[in-house]
Protein backbone atom coordinates (compact mmCIF):
# COMPACT_ATOMS: atom_id res chain seq x y z
CA UNK A 1 24.60 23.57 32.88
CA UNK A 2 26.77 20.47 32.87
CA UNK A 3 26.54 17.15 34.61
CA UNK A 4 29.83 16.44 36.37
CA UNK A 5 31.31 12.97 36.43
CA UNK A 6 34.13 13.85 38.86
CA UNK A 7 34.04 16.91 41.11
CA UNK A 8 36.98 18.88 42.47
CA UNK A 9 37.31 22.17 44.30
CA UNK A 10 37.86 24.31 41.21
CA UNK A 11 37.11 21.96 38.32
CA UNK A 12 34.58 19.35 37.34
CA UNK A 13 35.25 16.61 34.82
CA UNK A 14 32.31 15.72 32.61
CA UNK A 15 31.66 13.54 29.56
CA UNK A 16 32.04 14.96 26.06
CA UNK A 17 28.96 16.38 24.38
CA UNK A 18 28.18 17.80 20.96
CA UNK A 19 28.45 21.25 22.53
CA UNK A 20 32.21 20.68 22.79
CA UNK A 21 32.68 21.11 19.04
CA UNK A 22 33.65 24.78 19.31
CA UNK A 23 36.14 24.46 22.19
CA UNK A 24 37.76 21.37 20.65
CA UNK A 25 37.95 22.87 17.17
CA UNK A 26 39.28 26.19 18.45
CA UNK A 27 41.68 24.54 20.89
CA UNK A 28 43.11 21.90 18.58
CA UNK A 29 43.54 24.46 15.79
CA UNK A 30 45.28 26.94 18.13
CA UNK A 31 48.98 27.08 17.16
CA UNK A 32 50.13 26.72 20.79
CA UNK A 33 47.97 23.66 21.45
CA UNK A 34 48.66 22.18 18.04
CA UNK A 35 52.42 22.53 18.61
CA UNK A 36 52.28 21.09 22.13
CA UNK A 37 50.19 18.12 20.94
CA UNK A 38 52.28 17.64 17.78
CA UNK A 39 49.14 17.88 15.63
CA UNK A 40 49.79 18.72 12.01
CA UNK A 41 46.45 19.05 10.26
CA UNK A 42 43.62 21.55 10.75
CA UNK A 43 40.24 20.41 12.08
CA UNK A 44 37.05 21.55 10.40
CA UNK A 45 33.71 21.61 12.19
CA UNK A 46 32.73 18.37 10.46
CA UNK A 47 36.00 16.67 11.38
CA UNK A 48 35.62 17.84 14.98
CA UNK A 49 32.09 16.42 15.06
CA UNK A 50 33.40 13.07 13.79
CA UNK A 51 36.24 13.19 16.34
CA UNK A 52 33.75 13.71 19.19
CA UNK A 53 31.55 10.87 17.93
CA UNK A 54 34.57 8.58 17.62
CA UNK A 55 35.80 9.49 21.12
CA UNK A 56 32.33 9.04 22.63
CA UNK A 57 31.88 5.65 20.93
CA UNK A 58 35.29 4.34 21.99
CA UNK A 59 34.64 1.93 24.85
CA UNK A 60 38.38 1.55 25.38
CA UNK A 61 38.86 5.16 26.43
CA UNK A 62 37.51 7.46 29.10
CA UNK A 63 37.22 10.94 27.60
CA UNK A 64 36.39 13.87 29.86
CA UNK A 65 36.16 17.62 29.50
CA UNK A 66 37.54 19.96 32.16
CA UNK A 67 35.09 22.62 33.35
CA UNK A 68 36.17 25.52 35.56
CA UNK A 69 33.56 25.74 38.32
CA UNK A 70 33.91 29.49 38.89
CA UNK A 71 33.08 30.44 35.30
CA UNK A 72 31.32 27.32 34.00
CA UNK A 73 33.68 27.41 31.01
CA UNK A 74 35.05 24.25 29.45
CA UNK A 75 38.82 24.75 29.46
CA UNK A 76 40.36 21.41 28.55
CA UNK A 77 40.19 17.77 27.64
CA UNK A 78 41.74 14.69 29.22
CA UNK A 79 41.55 10.97 28.69
CA UNK A 80 42.55 7.56 29.92
CA UNK A 81 43.27 5.45 26.84
CA UNK A 82 44.72 2.10 25.72
CA UNK A 83 43.54 -0.01 28.65
CA UNK A 84 45.29 -3.23 29.52
CA UNK A 85 42.76 -4.81 31.87
CA UNK A 86 44.95 -7.84 32.61
CA UNK A 87 47.88 -5.69 33.71
CA UNK A 88 45.50 -3.02 35.08
CA UNK A 89 47.20 -0.15 33.24
CA UNK A 90 46.09 2.83 31.14
CA UNK A 91 47.76 5.77 29.42
CA UNK A 92 46.80 9.32 30.42
CA UNK A 93 46.82 12.57 28.48
CA UNK A 94 45.59 16.09 29.16
CA UNK A 95 45.43 19.32 27.21
CA UNK A 96 44.30 22.74 28.41
CA UNK A 97 42.54 24.11 25.32
CA UNK A 98 41.76 27.60 26.65
CA UNK A 99 44.98 29.66 26.83
CA UNK A 100 43.57 31.83 29.64
CA UNK A 101 43.22 28.74 31.85
CA UNK A 102 46.87 27.71 31.64
CA UNK A 103 49.21 28.11 34.58
CA UNK A 104 46.37 28.43 37.10
CA UNK A 105 46.44 24.92 38.57
CA UNK A 106 43.29 23.73 36.82
CA UNK A 107 45.16 21.05 34.88
CA UNK A 108 46.91 19.92 38.07
CA UNK A 109 43.59 19.50 39.85
CA UNK A 110 42.07 17.68 36.87
CA UNK A 111 45.09 15.36 36.75
CA UNK A 112 44.73 14.60 40.47
CA UNK A 113 41.01 13.88 40.06
CA UNK A 114 41.50 11.46 37.19
CA UNK A 115 44.49 9.81 38.90
CA UNK A 116 42.40 9.22 42.02
CA UNK A 117 39.58 7.84 39.85
CA UNK A 118 42.00 5.54 38.00
CA UNK A 119 43.43 3.99 41.16
CA UNK A 120 40.48 4.11 43.55
CA UNK A 121 37.54 3.45 41.22
CA UNK A 122 38.97 1.56 38.24
CA UNK A 123 41.42 -0.33 40.47
CA UNK A 124 44.30 0.29 38.07
CA UNK A 125 47.79 -0.64 39.15
CA UNK A 126 49.61 1.71 36.78
CA UNK A 127 49.12 4.97 34.93
CA UNK A 128 51.58 6.13 32.33
CA UNK A 129 51.99 9.13 30.05
CA UNK A 130 54.30 10.62 27.46
CA UNK A 131 55.51 14.20 27.76
CA UNK A 132 57.85 16.32 25.67
CA UNK A 133 61.19 16.25 27.49
CA UNK A 134 61.37 20.04 27.06
CA UNK A 135 57.95 20.71 28.64
CA UNK A 136 59.20 21.66 32.11
CA UNK A 137 55.82 22.90 33.46
CA UNK A 138 54.04 19.65 32.58
CA UNK A 139 56.85 17.50 33.97
CA UNK A 140 56.70 19.50 37.24
CA UNK A 141 52.95 18.88 37.56
CA UNK A 142 53.33 15.16 36.90
CA UNK A 143 56.20 14.87 39.40
CA UNK A 144 54.21 16.75 42.04
CA UNK A 145 51.41 14.19 41.67
CA UNK A 146 53.91 11.35 41.95
CA UNK A 147 54.73 10.28 38.38
CA UNK A 148 58.30 9.14 37.89
CA UNK A 149 60.54 9.42 34.84
CA UNK A 150 60.95 5.85 33.61
CA UNK A 151 62.65 6.32 30.29
CA UNK A 152 63.29 8.52 27.29
CA UNK A 153 61.82 7.97 23.86
CA UNK A 154 64.65 9.46 21.84
CA UNK A 155 63.73 11.64 18.86
CA UNK A 156 60.13 10.47 19.18
CA UNK A 157 58.42 13.43 17.49
CA UNK A 158 59.35 15.79 14.67
CA UNK A 159 58.40 19.46 14.60
CA UNK A 160 59.85 22.65 13.17
CA UNK A 161 62.83 21.02 11.53
CA UNK A 162 64.03 18.93 14.46
CA UNK A 163 63.26 15.87 16.54
CA UNK A 164 62.14 15.99 20.17
CA UNK A 165 62.69 13.46 22.92
CA UNK A 166 59.72 12.36 24.98
CA UNK A 167 59.71 11.06 28.51
CA UNK A 168 57.77 8.02 29.57
CA UNK A 169 56.46 8.71 33.07
CA UNK A 170 54.59 6.25 35.26
CA UNK A 171 52.81 6.06 38.58
CA UNK A 172 51.95 2.87 40.46
CA UNK A 173 48.98 2.43 42.79
CA UNK A 174 51.32 1.57 45.70
CA UNK A 175 53.14 4.87 45.15
CA UNK A 176 49.91 6.82 44.94
CA UNK A 177 48.39 5.12 48.01
CA UNK A 178 51.35 4.43 50.28
């Protein structure tokens, strides 16, 4: 049983708990997730525990887990980080940790939920994110929600012997709520 913070049709978003150690450790050590997130070091159970404590204690970030309603399984993690309260802006990221949950629209729904929360509850003016320029599925989701390509961070990340460009994408409150 989980206590949802934000509720959608197919997913709930809830705060992190100590019970998330296994899904976070398994997910962030998974080669596919690790590659997509450009993570280079393995996470032990102890390191995962410390990571959860650090995330939960960070008052400058809103960390949520994505729970599929149908199964009750925790399938991903998302966050709003690096707030600029004067400019009313935060940076967003999401990762679907469970490979069986990818490509089913759960991440899209979770992104919509947190975007709505950011603009309509937190009264943000801007959300931004970084995405690998070669990650076509993620870019399509972000565009569908309304994010716009604002610039390219050239050769921003290194992996497998080469550098990758990243896109900076942004969404303004006036674009989200026309």
